[in-house]
Amino acid sequence: MAGTPSQELMESETRVAYGPVPRGLFDPALDELSWQLLGDRFLLRGEGQHFFHYRKGEGITIERGPGADASEEALWLNGSVYSAIASLNGLLPVHASAVAIGGRVFAFTGPAGAGKSTLTAALGARELPMFCDDTLVLDLAEPRSITCLPGHKRLKLREDALEMTGARREEKVSCTVDKFFALPAAGDVGEPLPLGELIFLEEGSETSIAPILGAARFAKVHEPNSATWLFTETQSGTRAERFAHLGRLAQQIPMARFMRPIARDRFGEGVTLMTEYLRQKLAE
């Protein structure tokens, strides 16, 4: 699949410049580690006087003032800022890591610490290339085929995840984040691809994978970790209209649940099951 208009839009809208930015989009001014959204503008404040301002058509402006930690900059840009820009431009950001197989994307989502990046790294060792880490952006313009946009690629893993997956360690992510960048064993994919499935990682006593059906799909779309909260904040219309929009998303996005025990000695069991599951999807 060649580059899409939405991919070109994101590349244009995420260009970065440095200079002064507002301290708030409305009263009161931003506290540390908080954000504001107003119309077509998004403002985020990191540590100290570290501000990120986005406005549609103008890209991102960053101001590094006293107390700003430059090592954290890429994390903000590739996380909250990237998600906000996607949302303001009608694209759906999902807190997920993903692999590509058979020309489709299979994405793993869940709360922080659920093992999204670790599973992606382990599947790389099974020759499945990475599609993204931490943030996946979906283009919902075509109802019959959801398109996944490739974003930032650098895999981030904790020390124990590096050991479990055998991933090749690179430099530390930042001064305050206890993770290291790592090279995906099977490389990565850089072109837009259709979504195969959004797979929710959950803890359970046994290892299993099953589809999510009915009302449970709506509940999953509405979970905060799916990042739909920011997307819905940017949509116009009444509360009932936004609720109906989430319902349409629940119908449109194929979903499954991956249950497995969070135990190091059973990690390989889960990776093997997921590898078999994804290879079976090739035949569908």
Protein backbone atom coordinates (compact mmCIF):
# COMPACT_ATOMS: atom_id res chain seq x y z
CA MET A 1 0.00 0.00 0.00
CA ALA A 2 1.50 3.33 -1.05
CA GLY A 3 1.64 6.39 1.20
CA THR A 4 -1.83 7.69 1.99
CA PRO A 5 -3.12 11.28 2.30
CA SER A 6 -3.48 10.76 6.07
CA GLN A 7 0.15 9.64 6.35
CA GLU A 8 1.31 12.69 4.41
CA LEU A 9 -0.89 14.86 6.62
CA MET A 10 0.67 13.48 9.81
CA GLU A 11 4.19 13.97 8.44
CA SER A 12 3.36 17.59 7.68
CA GLU A 13 1.55 18.32 10.94
CA THR A 14 4.31 16.84 13.15
CA ARG A 15 7.08 19.12 11.87
CA VAL A 16 8.88 20.79 14.79
CA ALA A 17 10.16 24.32 15.43
CA TYR A 18 11.53 25.95 18.60
CA GLY A 19 10.35 29.21 20.10
CA PRO A 20 8.07 30.80 22.72
CA VAL A 21 4.63 29.28 23.33
CA PRO A 22 1.63 30.23 25.49
CA ARG A 23 1.59 29.20 29.16
CA GLY A 24 -2.06 28.22 28.81
CA LEU A 25 -4.83 28.14 26.22
CA PHE A 26 -7.26 29.40 28.85
CA ASP A 27 -7.13 30.26 32.57
CA PRO A 28 -5.54 28.91 34.64
CA ALA A 29 -2.13 28.35 33.09
CA LEU A 30 -0.87 24.79 32.86
CA ASP A 31 0.63 22.94 35.81
CA GLU A 32 3.52 20.55 35.24
CA LEU A 33 2.60 17.28 33.50
CA SER A 34 -0.76 18.50 32.23
CA TRP A 35 -2.37 19.58 28.96
CA GLN A 36 -5.13 21.76 27.51
CA LEU A 37 -7.17 21.45 24.32
CA LEU A 38 -8.95 24.39 22.72
CA GLY A 39 -10.41 24.32 19.21
CA ASP A 40 -7.65 23.32 16.82
CA ARG A 41 -4.88 23.81 19.41
CA PHE A 42 -3.17 21.52 21.93
CA LEU A 43 -0.76 22.59 24.65
CA LEU A 44 1.23 20.24 26.89
CA ARG A 45 3.62 21.04 29.72
CA GLY A 46 6.29 18.52 30.75
CA GLU A 47 8.76 18.94 33.59
CA GLY A 48 9.74 22.50 34.47
CA GLN A 49 9.15 25.11 31.77
CA HIS A 50 8.99 22.54 28.95
CA PHE A 51 6.06 23.32 26.64
CA PHE A 52 4.73 21.73 23.45
CA HIS A 53 2.21 23.73 21.41
CA TYR A 54 0.39 22.42 18.34
CA ARG A 55 -2.02 24.20 16.04
CA LYS A 56 -3.55 22.68 12.90
CA GLY A 57 -1.65 23.80 9.83
CA GLU A 58 1.26 25.21 11.86
CA GLY A 59 2.94 22.10 13.29
CA ILE A 60 4.57 21.84 16.73
CA THR A 61 6.43 24.56 18.59
CA ILE A 62 8.60 23.54 21.55
CA GLU A 63 9.86 25.87 24.26
CA ARG A 64 12.63 24.64 26.54
CA GLY A 65 12.75 26.82 29.62
CA PRO A 66 14.21 26.35 33.11
CA GLY A 67 13.89 22.78 34.36
CA ALA A 68 13.15 21.32 30.93
CA ASP A 69 14.60 17.85 30.42
CA ALA A 70 15.67 17.56 26.78
CA SER A 71 16.04 13.78 27.12
CA GLU A 72 12.27 13.53 27.65
CA GLU A 73 11.40 15.48 24.50
CA ALA A 74 11.08 12.57 22.06
CA LEU A 75 8.85 10.71 24.54
CA TRP A 76 6.36 13.59 24.72
CA LEU A 77 6.47 14.14 20.95
CA ASN A 78 5.94 10.47 20.14
CA GLY A 79 3.30 9.95 22.83
CA SER A 80 0.78 12.55 23.99
CA VAL A 81 1.60 15.19 21.37
CA TYR A 82 1.47 12.68 18.49
CA SER A 83 -1.86 11.31 19.77
CA ALA A 84 -3.34 14.79 20.09
CA ILE A 85 -2.31 15.75 16.56
CA ALA A 86 -3.84 12.54 15.19
CA SER A 87 -7.09 13.17 17.09
CA LEU A 88 -7.38 16.80 15.97
CA ASN A 89 -7.04 15.62 12.38
CA GLY A 90 -9.75 12.95 12.62
CA LEU A 91 -7.44 9.96 13.16
CA LEU A 92 -7.71 7.52 16.06
CA PRO A 93 -4.63 7.02 18.28
CA VAL A 94 -4.43 3.77 20.23
CA HIS A 95 -1.99 3.02 23.05
CA ALA A 96 -0.56 -0.08 21.37
CA SER A 97 2.47 -1.85 19.99
CA ALA A 98 2.10 -3.92 16.84
CA VAL A 99 3.59 -6.40 14.40
CA ALA A 100 2.91 -6.94 10.70
CA ILE A 101 2.18 -10.30 9.11
CA GLY A 102 0.68 -11.17 5.75
CA GLY A 103 0.24 -7.51 4.81
CA ARG A 104 -1.88 -6.73 7.90
CA VAL A 105 -1.22 -5.20 11.31
CA PHE A 106 -1.96 -6.97 14.59
CA ALA A 107 -1.81 -4.57 17.51
CA PHE A 108 -1.49 -5.27 21.25
CA THR A 109 -3.09 -2.85 23.67
CA GLY A 110 -3.56 -2.67 27.43
CA PRO A 111 -2.61 -0.54 30.43
CA ALA A 112 0.96 0.45 31.24
CA GLY A 113 2.97 -2.63 32.16
CA ALA A 114 0.70 -5.05 30.28
CA GLY A 115 3.62 -6.23 28.12
CA LYS A 116 2.80 -4.68 24.75
CA SER A 117 6.39 -3.86 23.81
CA THR A 118 7.75 -7.08 25.31
CA LEU A 119 5.36 -9.23 23.26
CA THR A 120 6.20 -7.27 20.11
CA ALA A 121 9.91 -7.80 20.73
CA ALA A 122 9.41 -11.53 21.37
CA LEU A 123 7.42 -11.92 18.14
CA GLY A 124 10.27 -10.18 16.33
CA ALA A 125 12.47 -13.08 17.39
CA ARG A 126 9.86 -15.29 15.65
CA GLU A 127 10.44 -13.35 12.40
CA LEU A 128 7.43 -11.01 12.69
CA PRO A 129 8.51 -7.41 11.97
CA MET A 130 7.47 -4.55 14.23
CA PHE A 131 4.95 -2.02 12.93
CA CYS A 132 4.98 0.42 15.85
CA ASP A 133 5.72 0.72 19.53
CA ASP A 134 3.56 2.49 22.11
CA THR A 135 1.29 4.50 19.76
CA LEU A 136 -0.71 3.23 16.78
CA VAL A 137 -2.72 5.64 14.60
CA LEU A 138 -5.79 4.37 12.73
CA ASP A 139 -7.35 6.00 9.67
CA LEU A 140 -11.09 5.25 9.82
CA ALA A 141 -12.03 7.02 6.58
CA GLU A 142 -12.80 3.77 4.75
CA PRO A 143 -15.44 1.77 6.70
CA ARG A 144 -14.53 -1.55 5.10
CA SER A 145 -10.79 -1.36 5.79
CA ILE A 146 -9.12 0.45 8.68
CA THR A 147 -5.65 1.68 7.73
CA CYS A 148 -2.78 1.70 10.21
CA LEU A 149 -0.25 4.50 9.82
CA PRO A 150 3.41 3.79 10.57
CA GLY A 151 4.76 6.15 13.18
CA HIS A 152 7.88 6.28 15.33
CA LYS A 153 9.62 2.93 15.36
CA ARG A 154 12.02 2.72 18.27
CA LEU A 155 11.26 -0.21 20.56
CA LYS A 156 11.54 0.53 24.30
CA LEU A 157 12.14 -2.28 26.81
CA ARG A 158 12.96 -2.73 30.47
CA GLU A 159 15.97 -4.74 31.58
CA ASP A 160 13.95 -7.91 32.27
CA ALA A 161 12.18 -7.65 28.90
CA LEU A 162 15.53 -7.42 27.12
CA GLU A 163 16.61 -10.61 28.85
CA MET A 164 13.36 -12.48 28.10
CA THR A 165 13.20 -11.52 24.44
CA GLY A 166 16.90 -11.47 23.55
CA ALA A 167 16.43 -8.06 21.94
CA ARG A 168 19.57 -6.07 21.22
CA ARG A 169 20.00 -3.24 23.71
CA GLU A 170 20.80 0.32 22.61
CA GLU A 171 20.99 3.54 24.65
CA LYS A 172 18.84 4.41 27.67
CA VAL A 173 15.51 6.02 26.72
CA SER A 174 15.96 9.04 29.03
CA CYS A 175 17.40 10.10 32.35
CA THR A 176 14.18 9.35 34.22
CA VAL A 177 12.70 6.38 32.30
CA ASP A 178 14.06 2.97 33.29
CA LYS A 179 13.94 1.54 29.76
CA PHE A 180 16.36 1.05 26.89
CA PHE A 181 15.86 1.38 23.17
CA ALA A 182 16.17 -1.96 21.40
CA LEU A 183 16.47 -3.17 17.83
CA PRO A 184 13.50 -5.25 16.61
CA ALA A 185 14.93 -8.63 15.58
CA ALA A 186 12.90 -8.85 12.35
CA GLY A 187 13.16 -5.15 11.44
CA ASP A 188 10.12 -2.94 10.96
CA VAL A 189 7.53 -2.04 8.34
CA GLY A 190 7.34 1.53 7.07
CA GLU A 191 4.26 1.65 4.87
CA PRO A 192 0.56 1.94 5.80
CA LEU A 193 -1.23 -1.41 6.15
CA PRO A 194 -4.79 -2.53 6.94
CA LEU A 195 -5.63 -3.47 10.52
CA GLY A 196 -5.98 -7.18 11.09
CA GLU A 197 -7.02 -7.06 14.75
CA LEU A 198 -6.71 -5.09 17.97
CA ILE A 199 -5.74 -7.55 20.71
CA PHE A 200 -6.24 -6.67 24.38
CA LEU A 201 -3.65 -8.07 26.79
CA GLU A 202 -5.11 -9.35 30.05
CA GLU A 203 -3.87 -11.42 32.98
CA GLY A 204 -5.37 -14.86 33.61
CA SER A 205 -4.46 -18.23 35.07
CA GLU A 206 -4.42 -19.93 31.66
CA THR A 207 -3.23 -18.88 28.21
CA SER A 208 -5.95 -18.30 25.60
CA ILE A 209 -7.02 -16.06 22.73
CA ALA A 210 -10.68 -15.39 21.96
CA PRO A 211 -12.68 -12.83 19.95
CA ILE A 212 -14.42 -9.98 21.76
CA LEU A 213 -18.08 -9.79 20.78
CA GLY A 214 -21.25 -7.81 21.45
CA ALA A 215 -21.45 -5.19 24.19
CA ALA A 216 -17.95 -6.10 25.39
CA ARG A 217 -16.57 -4.46 22.24
CA PHE A 218 -18.06 -1.09 23.18
CA ALA A 219 -16.65 -1.36 26.71
CA LYS A 220 -13.19 -2.05 25.31
CA VAL A 221 -13.27 0.94 22.93
CA HIS A 222 -14.28 3.14 25.85
CA GLU A 223 -11.37 2.07 28.08
CA PRO A 224 -8.94 4.96 28.82
CA ASN A 225 -5.88 2.99 27.73
CA SER A 226 -7.25 2.71 24.19
CA ALA A 227 -6.67 6.51 23.81
CA THR A 228 -10.20 7.07 22.46
CA TRP A 229 -10.69 9.56 25.31
CA LEU A 230 -8.56 12.13 23.48
CA PHE A 231 -10.15 11.34 20.13
CA THR A 232 -13.67 11.84 21.50
CA GLU A 233 -12.63 15.12 23.17
CA THR A 234 -11.77 16.53 19.74
CA GLN A 235 -15.01 15.47 18.04
CA SER A 236 -17.85 17.94 17.63
CA GLY A 237 -21.47 17.11 18.42
CA THR A 238 -23.52 16.32 21.49
CA ARG A 239 -22.62 13.76 24.12
CA ALA A 240 -25.17 11.36 22.59
CA GLU A 241 -23.60 11.81 19.16
CA ARG A 242 -20.13 11.09 20.51
CA PHE A 243 -21.51 8.03 22.33
CA ALA A 244 -22.98 6.80 19.03
CA HIS A 245 -19.62 7.40 17.34
CA LEU A 246 -17.92 5.12 19.87
CA GLY A 247 -20.53 2.50 19.08
CA ARG A 248 -19.64 2.67 15.40
CA LEU A 249 -15.95 2.31 16.27
CA ALA A 250 -16.73 -0.78 18.32
CA GLN A 251 -18.41 -2.37 15.30
CA GLN A 252 -15.67 -1.34 12.90
CA ILE A 253 -12.56 -2.49 14.78
CA PRO A 254 -11.93 -6.27 14.96
CA MET A 255 -10.95 -7.24 18.52
CA ALA A 256 -9.65 -10.20 20.50
CA ARG A 257 -8.60 -10.90 24.09
CA PHE A 258 -5.23 -12.50 24.92
CA MET A 259 -5.29 -13.98 28.42
CA ARG A 260 -2.06 -15.25 29.98
CA PRO A 261 -0.41 -15.56 33.39
CA ILE A 262 2.11 -12.84 34.24
CA ALA A 263 4.89 -15.25 35.13
CA ARG A 264 8.34 -15.28 33.60
CA ASP A 265 8.47 -19.08 33.38
CA ARG A 266 5.29 -19.08 31.25
CA PHE A 267 6.20 -16.19 28.99
CA GLY A 268 7.36 -18.45 26.15
CA GLU A 269 4.07 -20.36 26.26
CA GLY A 270 2.14 -17.18 25.53
CA VAL A 271 4.51 -16.11 22.74
CA THR A 272 4.17 -19.52 21.08
CA LEU A 273 0.37 -19.39 21.23
CA MET A 274 0.30 -15.86 19.80
CA THR A 275 2.70 -16.83 17.00
CA GLU A 276 0.48 -19.77 16.04
CA TYR A 277 -2.63 -17.59 16.24
CA LEU A 278 -1.19 -14.93 13.94
CA ARG A 279 0.02 -17.49 11.42
CA GLN A 280 -3.48 -19.02 11.36
CA LYS A 281 -4.82 -15.55 10.53
CA LEU A 282 -2.84 -15.68 7.30
CA ALA A 283 -5.22 -18.34 6.00
CA GLU A 284 -8.35 -16.27 6.68
